[in-house]
Amino acid sequence: MLTGKQKRFLRAEAHHLDPIFQVGKGGVNEAMLVQITQALRVRELIKVRILDNCEFDKRDVAAELAEGTDAELVQLIGLTVVLYKEATKRENRRIELPKAK
């Protein structure tokens, strides 16, 4: 579980990122979750864009993405979801989070 300070740090880190996945009319599917999980393994922090034609509520989509990829939901702003998942191998870690108190 991320602290408020850590989420603030990650939001700042994600600010310059472009969304690399899009959720469209069909919503979230298994293949999409596999691809997002792989991207998180490499990047740790990603943005996902929910398209206007998505039939599902954006909060439900964000929760489904976070749960399906076992990632932390950092932020849902507008139709953009920011996800974070710490790399399992120490040598692959790119982001050093502030210490939780």
PDB file of N, CA and C in Angstrom:
ATOM      1  N   MET A   1       0.837  -1.179   0.000  1.00  0.00           N
ATOM      2  CA  MET A   1       0.000   0.000   0.000  1.00  0.00           C
ATOM      3  C   MET A   1       0.888   1.251   0.000  1.00  0.00           C
ATOM      4  N   LEU A   2       0.595   2.164  -0.871  1.00  0.00           N
ATOM      5  CA  LEU A   2       1.388   3.384  -0.992  1.00  0.00           C
ATOM      6  C   LEU A   2       0.891   4.450  -0.018  1.00  0.00           C
ATOM      7  N   THR A   3       1.818   5.229   0.507  1.00  0.00           N
ATOM      8  CA  THR A   3       1.450   6.363   1.357  1.00  0.00           C
ATOM      9  C   THR A   3       1.100   7.552   0.466  1.00  0.00           C
ATOM     10  N   GLY A   4       0.516   8.584   1.060  1.00  0.00           N
ATOM     11  CA  GLY A   4       0.187   9.793   0.312  1.00  0.00           C
ATOM     12  C   GLY A   4       1.422  10.440  -0.293  1.00  0.00           C
ATOM     13  N   LYS A   5       2.509  10.436   0.468  1.00  0.00           N
ATOM     14  CA  LYS A   5       3.762  11.032  -0.011  1.00  0.00           C
ATOM     15  C   LYS A   5       4.293  10.267  -1.226  1.00  0.00           C
ATOM     16  N   GLN A   6       4.206   8.939  -1.165  1.00  0.00           N
ATOM     17  CA  GLN A   6       4.675   8.123  -2.282  1.00  0.00           C
ATOM     18  C   GLN A   6       3.805   8.317  -3.519  1.00  0.00           C
ATOM     19  N   LYS A   7       2.485   8.409  -3.329  1.00  0.00           N
ATOM     20  CA  LYS A   7       1.589   8.651  -4.456  1.00  0.00           C
ATOM     21  C   LYS A   7       1.855  10.009  -5.089  1.00  0.00           C
ATOM     22  N   ARG A   8       2.101  11.013  -4.263  1.00  0.00           N
ATOM     23  CA  ARG A   8       2.419  12.353  -4.768  1.00  0.00           C
ATOM     24  C   ARG A   8       3.690  12.304  -5.612  1.00  0.00           C
ATOM     25  N   PHE A   9       4.700  11.588  -5.116  1.00  0.00           N
ATOM     26  CA  PHE A   9       5.963  11.419  -5.839  1.00  0.00           C
ATOM     27  C   PHE A   9       5.719  10.741  -7.191  1.00  0.00           C
ATOM     28  N   LEU A  10       4.920   9.663  -7.197  1.00  0.00           N
ATOM     29  CA  LEU A  10       4.648   8.919  -8.431  1.00  0.00           C
ATOM     30  C   LEU A  10       3.827   9.742  -9.422  1.00  0.00           C
ATOM     31  N   ARG A  11       2.894  10.549  -8.915  1.00  0.00           N
ATOM     32  CA  ARG A  11       2.120  11.427  -9.808  1.00  0.00           C
ATOM     33  C   ARG A  11       3.049  12.402 -10.516  1.00  0.00           C
ATOM     34  N   ALA A  12       4.015  12.936  -9.782  1.00  0.00           N
ATOM     35  CA  ALA A  12       4.987  13.863 -10.380  1.00  0.00           C
ATOM     36  C   ALA A  12       5.838  13.142 -11.423  1.00  0.00           C
ATOM     37  N   GLU A  13       6.236  11.909 -11.123  1.00  0.00           N
ATOM     38  CA  GLU A  13       7.034  11.126 -12.071  1.00  0.00           C
ATOM     39  C   GLU A  13       6.242  10.805 -13.338  1.00  0.00           C
ATOM     40  N   ALA A  14       4.948  10.573 -13.189  1.00  0.00           N
ATOM     41  CA  ALA A  14       4.102  10.176 -14.316  1.00  0.00           C
ATOM     42  C   ALA A  14       3.647  11.355 -15.165  1.00  0.00           C
ATOM     43  N   HIS A  15       3.825  12.552 -14.656  1.00  0.00           N
ATOM     44  CA  HIS A  15       3.301  13.739 -15.338  1.00  0.00           C
ATOM     45  C   HIS A  15       3.732  13.820 -16.800  1.00  0.00           C
ATOM     46  N   HIS A  16       4.977  13.542 -17.077  1.00  0.00           N
ATOM     47  CA  HIS A  16       5.501  13.676 -18.440  1.00  0.00           C
ATOM     48  C   HIS A  16       5.257  12.447 -19.315  1.00  0.00           C
ATOM     49  N   LEU A  17       4.731  11.367 -18.751  1.00  0.00           N
ATOM     50  CA  LEU A  17       4.510  10.141 -19.522  1.00  0.00           C
ATOM     51  C   LEU A  17       3.286  10.257 -20.426  1.00  0.00           C
ATOM     52  N   ASP A  18       3.352   9.579 -21.548  1.00  0.00           N
ATOM     53  CA  ASP A  18       2.194   9.466 -22.438  1.00  0.00           C
ATOM     54  C   ASP A  18       1.529   8.114 -22.183  1.00  0.00           C
ATOM     55  N   PRO A  19       0.211   8.036 -22.339  1.00  0.00           N
ATOM     56  CA  PRO A  19      -0.465   6.743 -22.185  1.00  0.00           C
ATOM     57  C   PRO A  19       0.042   5.752 -23.231  1.00  0.00           C
ATOM     58  N   ILE A  20       0.307   4.516 -22.802  1.00  0.00           N
ATOM     59  CA  ILE A  20       0.808   3.509 -23.740  1.00  0.00           C
ATOM     60  C   ILE A  20      -0.242   2.441 -24.054  1.00  0.00           C
ATOM     61  N   PHE A  21      -1.370   2.469 -23.347  1.00  0.00           N
ATOM     62  CA  PHE A  21      -2.485   1.565 -23.618  1.00  0.00           C
ATOM     63  C   PHE A  21      -3.770   2.364 -23.632  1.00  0.00           C
ATOM     64  N   GLN A  22      -4.775   1.823 -24.343  1.00  0.00           N
ATOM     65  CA  GLN A  22      -6.086   2.446 -24.391  1.00  0.00           C
ATOM     66  C   GLN A  22      -7.156   1.405 -24.109  1.00  0.00           C
ATOM     67  N   VAL A  23      -8.140   1.796 -23.309  1.00  0.00           N
ATOM     68  CA  VAL A  23      -9.294   0.937 -23.042  1.00  0.00           C
ATOM     69  C   VAL A  23     -10.451   1.504 -23.848  1.00  0.00           C
ATOM     70  N   GLY A  24     -10.983   0.690 -24.748  1.00  0.00           N
ATOM     71  CA  GLY A  24     -12.036   1.164 -25.634  1.00  0.00           C
ATOM     72  C   GLY A  24     -13.398   0.612 -25.282  1.00  0.00           C
ATOM     73  N   LYS A  25     -14.206   0.471 -26.303  1.00  0.00           N
ATOM     74  CA  LYS A  25     -15.602   0.083 -26.163  1.00  0.00           C
ATOM     75  C   LYS A  25     -15.779  -1.244 -25.424  1.00  0.00           C
ATOM     76  N   GLY A  26     -14.910  -2.187 -25.679  1.00  0.00           N
ATOM     77  CA  GLY A  26     -15.035  -3.522 -25.077  1.00  0.00           C
ATOM     78  C   GLY A  26     -14.609  -3.596 -23.619  1.00  0.00           C
ATOM     79  N   GLY A  27     -14.002  -2.560 -23.108  1.00  0.00           N
ATOM     80  CA  GLY A  27     -13.545  -2.572 -21.721  1.00  0.00           C
ATOM     81  C   GLY A  27     -12.238  -3.333 -21.564  1.00  0.00           C
ATOM     82  N   VAL A  28     -11.994  -3.810 -20.362  1.00  0.00           N
ATOM     83  CA  VAL A  28     -10.746  -4.506 -20.030  1.00  0.00           C
ATOM     84  C   VAL A  28     -10.899  -5.985 -20.368  1.00  0.00           C
ATOM     85  N   ASN A  29      -9.876  -6.550 -21.029  1.00  0.00           N
ATOM     86  CA  ASN A  29      -9.895  -7.988 -21.321  1.00  0.00           C
ATOM     87  C   ASN A  29      -8.599  -8.637 -20.859  1.00  0.00           C
ATOM     88  N   GLU A  30      -8.574  -9.946 -20.885  1.00  0.00           N
ATOM     89  CA  GLU A  30      -7.441 -10.712 -20.353  1.00  0.00           C
ATOM     90  C   GLU A  30      -6.142 -10.413 -21.105  1.00  0.00           C
ATOM     91  N   ALA A  31      -6.205 -10.327 -22.427  1.00  0.00           N
ATOM     92  CA  ALA A  31      -5.001 -10.056 -23.226  1.00  0.00           C
ATOM     93  C   ALA A  31      -4.408  -8.692 -22.872  1.00  0.00           C
ATOM     94  N   MET A  32      -5.289  -7.722 -22.667  1.00  0.00           N
ATOM     95  CA  MET A  32      -4.844  -6.378 -22.292  1.00  0.00           C
ATOM     96  C   MET A  32      -4.134  -6.410 -20.937  1.00  0.00           C
ATOM     97  N   LEU A  33      -4.697  -7.152 -19.988  1.00  0.00           N
ATOM     98  CA  LEU A  33      -4.089  -7.244 -18.653  1.00  0.00           C
ATOM     99  C   LEU A  33      -2.702  -7.881 -18.714  1.00  0.00           C
ATOM    100  N   VAL A  34      -2.538  -8.880 -19.573  1.00  0.00           N
ATOM    101  CA  VAL A  34      -1.229  -9.527 -19.731  1.00  0.00           C
ATOM    102  C   VAL A  34      -0.213  -8.530 -20.289  1.00  0.00           C
ATOM    103  N   GLN A  35      -0.611  -7.775 -21.301  1.00  0.00           N
ATOM    104  CA  GLN A  35       0.297  -6.790 -21.897  1.00  0.00           C
ATOM    105  C   GLN A  35       0.652  -5.679 -20.915  1.00  0.00           C
ATOM    106  N   ILE A  36      -0.333  -5.208 -20.166  1.00  0.00           N
ATOM    107  CA  ILE A  36      -0.068  -4.146 -19.189  1.00  0.00           C
ATOM    108  C   ILE A  36       0.850  -4.659 -18.081  1.00  0.00           C
ATOM    109  N   THR A  37       0.640  -5.899 -17.652  1.00  0.00           N
ATOM    110  CA  THR A  37       1.506  -6.498 -16.634  1.00  0.00           C
ATOM    111  C   THR A  37       2.947  -6.564 -17.125  1.00  0.00           C
ATOM    112  N   GLN A  38       3.135  -6.947 -18.382  1.00  0.00           N
ATOM    113  CA  GLN A  38       4.483  -7.006 -18.953  1.00  0.00           C
ATOM    114  C   GLN A  38       5.107  -5.610 -19.023  1.00  0.00           C
ATOM    115  N   ALA A  39       4.321  -4.622 -19.404  1.00  0.00           N
ATOM    116  CA  ALA A  39       4.829  -3.249 -19.472  1.00  0.00           C
ATOM    117  C   ALA A  39       5.201  -2.749 -18.077  1.00  0.00           C
ATOM    118  N   LEU A  40       4.405  -3.077 -17.090  1.00  0.00           N
ATOM    119  CA  LEU A  40       4.709  -2.661 -15.716  1.00  0.00           C
ATOM    120  C   LEU A  40       5.997  -3.319 -15.216  1.00  0.00           C
ATOM    121  N   ARG A  41       6.231  -4.550 -15.642  1.00  0.00           N
ATOM    122  CA  ARG A  41       7.450  -5.256 -15.235  1.00  0.00           C
ATOM    123  C   ARG A  41       8.695  -4.504 -15.723  1.00  0.00           C
ATOM    124  N   VAL A  42       8.581  -3.912 -16.905  1.00  0.00           N
ATOM    125  CA  VAL A  42       9.709  -3.201 -17.506  1.00  0.00           C
ATOM    126  C   VAL A  42       9.780  -1.750 -17.026  1.00  0.00           C
ATOM    127  N   ARG A  43       8.648  -1.071 -16.984  1.00  0.00           N
ATOM    128  CA  ARG A  43       8.627   0.373 -16.725  1.00  0.00           C
ATOM    129  C   ARG A  43       8.281   0.769 -15.298  1.00  0.00           C
ATOM    130  N   GLU A  44       7.556  -0.062 -14.576  1.00  0.00           N
ATOM    131  CA  GLU A  44       7.074   0.181 -13.216  1.00  0.00           C
ATOM    132  C   GLU A  44       5.938   1.194 -13.130  1.00  0.00           C
ATOM    133  N   LEU A  45       5.958   2.236 -13.944  1.00  0.00           N
ATOM    134  CA  LEU A  45       4.959   3.295 -13.881  1.00  0.00           C
ATOM    135  C   LEU A  45       4.442   3.562 -15.295  1.00  0.00           C
ATOM    136  N   ILE A  46       3.129   3.424 -15.489  1.00  0.00           N
ATOM    137  CA  ILE A  46       2.551   3.643 -16.819  1.00  0.00           C
ATOM    138  C   ILE A  46       1.233   4.404 -16.714  1.00  0.00           C
ATOM    139  N   LYS A  47       0.841   4.966 -17.861  1.00  0.00           N
ATOM    140  CA  LYS A  47      -0.467   5.602 -17.985  1.00  0.00           C
ATOM    141  C   LYS A  47      -1.295   4.801 -18.972  1.00  0.00           C
ATOM    142  N   VAL A  48      -2.602   4.700 -18.662  1.00  0.00           N
ATOM    143  CA  VAL A  48      -3.555   4.039 -19.546  1.00  0.00           C
ATOM    144  C   VAL A  48      -4.683   5.029 -19.798  1.00  0.00           C
ATOM    145  N   ARG A  49      -5.076   5.179 -21.055  1.00  0.00           N
ATOM    146  CA  ARG A  49      -6.139   6.114 -21.434  1.00  0.00           C
ATOM    147  C   ARG A  49      -7.450   5.350 -21.620  1.00  0.00           C
ATOM    148  N   ILE A  50      -8.497   5.851 -21.007  1.00  0.00           N
ATOM    149  CA  ILE A  50      -9.832   5.294 -21.214  1.00  0.00           C
ATOM    150  C   ILE A  50     -10.490   6.145 -22.298  1.00  0.00           C
ATOM    151  N   LEU A  51     -10.866   5.509 -23.389  1.00  0.00           N
ATOM    152  CA  LEU A  51     -11.448   6.241 -24.513  1.00  0.00           C
ATOM    153  C   LEU A  51     -12.880   6.668 -24.212  1.00  0.00           C
ATOM    154  N   ASP A  52     -13.327   7.698 -24.894  1.00  0.00           N
ATOM    155  CA  ASP A  52     -14.688   8.222 -24.702  1.00  0.00           C
ATOM    156  C   ASP A  52     -15.761   7.182 -25.002  1.00  0.00           C
ATOM    157  N   ASN A  53     -15.461   6.254 -25.912  1.00  0.00           N
ATOM    158  CA  ASN A  53     -16.475   5.269 -26.294  1.00  0.00           C
ATOM    159  C   ASN A  53     -16.527   4.061 -25.349  1.00  0.00           C
ATOM    160  N   CYS A  54     -15.749   4.069 -24.290  1.00  0.00           N
ATOM    161  CA  CYS A  54     -15.778   2.972 -23.317  1.00  0.00           C
ATOM    162  C   CYS A  54     -17.143   2.966 -22.625  1.00  0.00           C
ATOM    163  N   GLU A  55     -17.765   1.797 -22.589  1.00  0.00           N
ATOM    164  CA  GLU A  55     -19.118   1.664 -22.058  1.00  0.00           C
ATOM    165  C   GLU A  55     -19.167   1.557 -20.537  1.00  0.00           C
ATOM    166  N   PHE A  56     -18.023   1.449 -19.898  1.00  0.00           N
ATOM    167  CA  PHE A  56     -17.969   1.201 -18.460  1.00  0.00           C
ATOM    168  C   PHE A  56     -17.547   2.452 -17.703  1.00  0.00           C
ATOM    169  N   ASP A  57     -17.888   2.506 -16.423  1.00  0.00           N
ATOM    170  CA  ASP A  57     -17.513   3.633 -15.581  1.00  0.00           C
ATOM    171  C   ASP A  57     -15.995   3.674 -15.411  1.00  0.00           C
ATOM    172  N   LYS A  58     -15.424   4.860 -15.488  1.00  0.00           N
ATOM    173  CA  LYS A  58     -13.968   4.996 -15.438  1.00  0.00           C
ATOM    174  C   LYS A  58     -13.385   4.484 -14.120  1.00  0.00           C
ATOM    175  N   ARG A  59     -14.111   4.640 -13.020  1.00  0.00           N
ATOM    176  CA  ARG A  59     -13.617   4.152 -11.727  1.00  0.00           C
ATOM    177  C   ARG A  59     -13.556   2.625 -11.698  1.00  0.00           C
ATOM    178  N   ASP A  60     -14.558   1.998 -12.306  1.00  0.00           N
ATOM    179  CA  ASP A  60     -14.582   0.535 -12.390  1.00  0.00           C
ATOM    180  C   ASP A  60     -13.448   0.024 -13.270  1.00  0.00           C
ATOM    181  N   VAL A  61     -13.218   0.710 -14.387  1.00  0.00           N
ATOM    182  CA  VAL A  61     -12.130   0.326 -15.299  1.00  0.00           C
ATOM    183  C   VAL A  61     -10.784   0.460 -14.588  1.00  0.00           C
ATOM    184  N   ALA A  62     -10.573   1.570 -13.888  1.00  0.00           N
ATOM    185  CA  ALA A  62      -9.314   1.793 -13.170  1.00  0.00           C
ATOM    186  C   ALA A  62      -9.096   0.718 -12.104  1.00  0.00           C
ATOM    187  N   ALA A  63     -10.145   0.403 -11.356  1.00  0.00           N
ATOM    188  CA  ALA A  63     -10.034  -0.631 -10.316  1.00  0.00           C
ATOM    189  C   ALA A  63      -9.750  -1.996 -10.934  1.00  0.00           C
ATOM    190  N   GLU A  64     -10.400  -2.296 -12.057  1.00  0.00           N
ATOM    191  CA  GLU A  64     -10.193  -3.571 -12.737  1.00  0.00           C
ATOM    192  C   GLU A  64      -8.764  -3.686 -13.279  1.00  0.00           C
ATOM    193  N   LEU A  65      -8.237  -2.586 -13.811  1.00  0.00           N
ATOM    194  CA  LEU A  65      -6.854  -2.587 -14.293  1.00  0.00           C
ATOM    195  C   LEU A  65      -5.878  -2.830 -13.149  1.00  0.00           C
ATOM    196  N   ALA A  66      -6.069  -2.130 -12.042  1.00  0.00           N
ATOM    197  CA  ALA A  66      -5.173  -2.276 -10.903  1.00  0.00           C
ATOM    198  C   ALA A  66      -5.239  -3.691 -10.334  1.00  0.00           C
ATOM    199  N   GLU A  67      -6.444  -4.201 -10.163  1.00  0.00           N
ATOM    200  CA  GLU A  67      -6.611  -5.538  -9.598  1.00  0.00           C
ATOM    201  C   GLU A  67      -6.091  -6.619 -10.541  1.00  0.00           C
ATOM    202  N   GLY A  68      -6.397  -6.482 -11.827  1.00  0.00           N
ATOM    203  CA  GLY A  68      -5.998  -7.483 -12.812  1.00  0.00           C
ATOM    204  C   GLY A  68      -4.504  -7.556 -13.057  1.00  0.00           C
ATOM    205  N   THR A  69      -3.803  -6.463 -12.808  1.00  0.00           N
ATOM    206  CA  THR A  69      -2.350  -6.441 -13.010  1.00  0.00           C
ATOM    207  C   THR A  69      -1.599  -6.508 -11.685  1.00  0.00           C
ATOM    208  N   ASP A  70      -2.329  -6.561 -10.580  1.00  0.00           N
ATOM    209  CA  ASP A  70      -1.746  -6.576  -9.239  1.00  0.00           C
ATOM    210  C   ASP A  70      -0.864  -5.344  -9.011  1.00  0.00           C
ATOM    211  N   ALA A  71      -1.345  -4.199  -9.513  1.00  0.00           N
ATOM    212  CA  ALA A  71      -0.601  -2.942  -9.413  1.00  0.00           C
ATOM    213  C   ALA A  71      -1.342  -1.984  -8.482  1.00  0.00           C
ATOM    214  N   GLU A  72      -0.661  -0.914  -8.129  1.00  0.00           N
ATOM    215  CA  GLU A  72      -1.260   0.140  -7.307  1.00  0.00           C
ATOM    216  C   GLU A  72      -1.872   1.193  -8.226  1.00  0.00           C
ATOM    217  N   LEU A  73      -3.088   1.590  -7.924  1.00  0.00           N
ATOM    218  CA  LEU A  73      -3.725   2.695  -8.631  1.00  0.00           C
ATOM    219  C   LEU A  73      -3.204   3.978  -8.004  1.00  0.00           C
ATOM    220  N   VAL A  74      -2.370   4.685  -8.740  1.00  0.00           N
ATOM    221  CA  VAL A  74      -1.764   5.917  -8.243  1.00  0.00           C
ATOM    222  C   VAL A  74      -2.732   7.078  -8.406  1.00  0.00           C
ATOM    223  N   GLN A  75      -3.374   7.137  -9.580  1.00  0.00           N
ATOM    224  CA  GLN A  75      -4.227   8.285  -9.869  1.00  0.00           C
ATOM    225  C   GLN A  75      -5.196   7.957 -10.997  1.00  0.00           C
ATOM    226  N   LEU A  76      -6.382   8.519 -10.879  1.00  0.00           N
ATOM    227  CA  LEU A  76      -7.351   8.524 -11.963  1.00  0.00           C
ATOM    228  C   LEU A  76      -7.737   9.977 -12.144  1.00  0.00           C
ATOM    229  N   ILE A  77      -7.254  10.564 -13.219  1.00  0.00           N
ATOM    230  CA  ILE A  77      -7.547  11.978 -13.468  1.00  0.00           C
ATOM    231  C   ILE A  77      -8.152  12.085 -14.860  1.00  0.00           C
ATOM    232  N   GLY A  78      -9.371  12.578 -14.922  1.00  0.00           N
ATOM    233  CA  GLY A  78     -10.084  12.592 -16.189  1.00  0.00           C
ATOM    234  C   GLY A  78     -10.287  11.172 -16.652  1.00  0.00           C
ATOM    235  N   LEU A  79      -9.799  10.861 -17.826  1.00  0.00           N
ATOM    236  CA  LEU A  79      -9.893   9.503 -18.362  1.00  0.00           C
ATOM    237  C   LEU A  79      -8.518   8.830 -18.433  1.00  0.00           C
ATOM    238  N   THR A  80      -7.589   9.299 -17.620  1.00  0.00           N
ATOM    239  CA  THR A  80      -6.239   8.748 -17.603  1.00  0.00           C
ATOM    240  C   THR A  80      -5.981   8.054 -16.267  1.00  0.00           C
ATOM    241  N   VAL A  81      -5.513   6.820 -16.363  1.00  0.00           N
ATOM    242  CA  VAL A  81      -5.205   6.004 -15.190  1.00  0.00           C
ATOM    243  C   VAL A  81      -3.691   5.891 -15.074  1.00  0.00           C
ATOM    244  N   VAL A  82      -3.163   6.115 -13.861  1.00  0.00           N
ATOM    245  CA  VAL A  82      -1.737   5.932 -13.607  1.00  0.00           C
ATOM    246  C   VAL A  82      -1.581   4.714 -12.698  1.00  0.00           C
ATOM    247  N   LEU A  83      -0.787   3.738 -13.165  1.00  0.00           N
ATOM    248  CA  LEU A  83      -0.553   2.499 -12.418  1.00  0.00           C
ATOM    249  C   LEU A  83       0.921   2.361 -12.072  1.00  0.00           C
ATOM    250  N   TYR A  84       1.185   1.770 -10.898  1.00  0.00           N
ATOM    251  CA  TYR A  84       2.562   1.527 -10.460  1.00  0.00           C
ATOM    252  C   TYR A  84       2.669   0.119  -9.911  1.00  0.00           C
ATOM    253  N   LYS A  85       3.727  -0.551 -10.288  1.00  0.00           N
ATOM    254  CA  LYS A  85       4.036  -1.863  -9.726  1.00  0.00           C
ATOM    255  C   LYS A  85       5.550  -1.966  -9.594  1.00  0.00           C
ATOM    256  N   GLU A  86       6.011  -2.138  -8.378  1.00  0.00           N
ATOM    257  CA  GLU A  86       7.449  -2.224  -8.124  1.00  0.00           C
ATOM    258  C   GLU A  86       8.027  -3.452  -8.811  1.00  0.00           C
ATOM    259  N   ALA A  87       9.176  -3.289  -9.441  1.00  0.00           N
ATOM    260  CA  ALA A  87       9.848  -4.404 -10.102  1.00  0.00           C
ATOM    261  C   ALA A  87      10.242  -5.446  -9.061  1.00  0.00           C
ATOM    262  N   THR A  88      10.089  -6.711  -9.431  1.00  0.00           N
ATOM    263  CA  THR A  88      10.396  -7.784  -8.476  1.00  0.00           C
ATOM    264  C   THR A  88      11.903  -7.956  -8.279  1.00  0.00           C
ATOM    265  N   LYS A  89      12.673  -7.713  -9.330  1.00  0.00           N
ATOM    266  CA  LYS A  89      14.136  -7.824  -9.213  1.00  0.00           C
ATOM    267  C   LYS A  89      14.722  -6.451  -8.900  1.00  0.00           C
ATOM    268  N   ARG A  90      15.582  -6.416  -7.931  1.00  0.00           N
ATOM    269  CA  ARG A  90      16.175  -5.151  -7.496  1.00  0.00           C
ATOM    270  C   ARG A  90      16.933  -4.451  -8.626  1.00  0.00           C
ATOM    271  N   GLU A  91      17.596  -5.193  -9.490  1.00  0.00           N
ATOM    272  CA  GLU A  91      18.372  -4.565 -10.565  1.00  0.00           C
ATOM    273  C   GLU A  91      17.477  -3.942 -11.636  1.00  0.00           C
ATOM    274  N   ASN A  92      16.200  -4.329 -11.687  1.00  0.00           N
ATOM    275  CA  ASN A  92      15.268  -3.763 -12.664  1.00  0.00           C
ATOM    276  C   ASN A  92      14.541  -2.531 -12.145  1.00  0.00           C
ATOM    277  N   ARG A  93      14.722  -2.190 -10.894  1.00  0.00           N
ATOM    278  CA  ARG A  93      14.005  -1.051 -10.319  1.00  0.00           C
ATOM    279  C   ARG A  93      14.541   0.255 -10.871  1.00  0.00           C
ATOM    280  N   ARG A  94      13.618   1.065 -11.377  1.00  0.00           N
ATOM    281  CA  ARG A  94      13.974   2.371 -11.935  1.00  0.00           C
ATOM    282  C   ARG A  94      13.556   3.495 -11.010  1.00  0.00           C
ATOM    283  N   ILE A  95      12.533   3.250 -10.207  1.00  0.00           N
ATOM    284  CA  ILE A  95      11.959   4.305  -9.373  1.00  0.00           C
ATOM    285  C   ILE A  95      12.262   4.005  -7.914  1.00  0.00           C
ATOM    286  N   GLU A  96      12.852   4.963  -7.258  1.00  0.00           N
ATOM    287  CA  GLU A  96      13.142   4.855  -5.826  1.00  0.00           C
ATOM    288  C   GLU A  96      12.100   5.684  -5.078  1.00  0.00           C
ATOM    289  N   LEU A  97      11.185   4.995  -4.406  1.00  0.00           N
ATOM    290  CA  LEU A  97      10.115   5.691  -3.688  1.00  0.00           C
ATOM    291  C   LEU A  97      10.641   6.322  -2.409  1.00  0.00           C
ATOM    292  N   PRO A  98      10.036   7.449  -2.010  1.00  0.00           N
ATOM    293  CA  PRO A  98      10.368   8.015  -0.694  1.00  0.00           C
ATOM    294  C   PRO A  98       9.994   7.009   0.382  1.00  0.00           C
ATOM    295  N   LYS A  99      10.731   7.001   1.460  1.00  0.00           N
ATOM    296  CA  LYS A  99      10.474   6.055   2.553  1.00  0.00           C
ATOM    297  C   LYS A  99       9.161   6.360   3.238  1.00  0.00           C
ATOM    298  N   ALA A 100       8.420   5.288   3.551  1.00  0.00           N
ATOM    299  CA  ALA A 100       7.166   5.450   4.304  1.00  0.00           C
ATOM    300  C   ALA A 100       7.498   5.576   5.789  1.00  0.00           C
ATOM    301  N   LYS A 101       6.789   6.470   6.470  1.00  0.00           N
ATOM    302  CA  LYS A 101       7.054   6.647   7.893  1.00  0.00           C
ATOM    303  C   LYS A 101       6.040   5.923   8.719  1.00  0.00           C
TER     304      LYS A 101
END
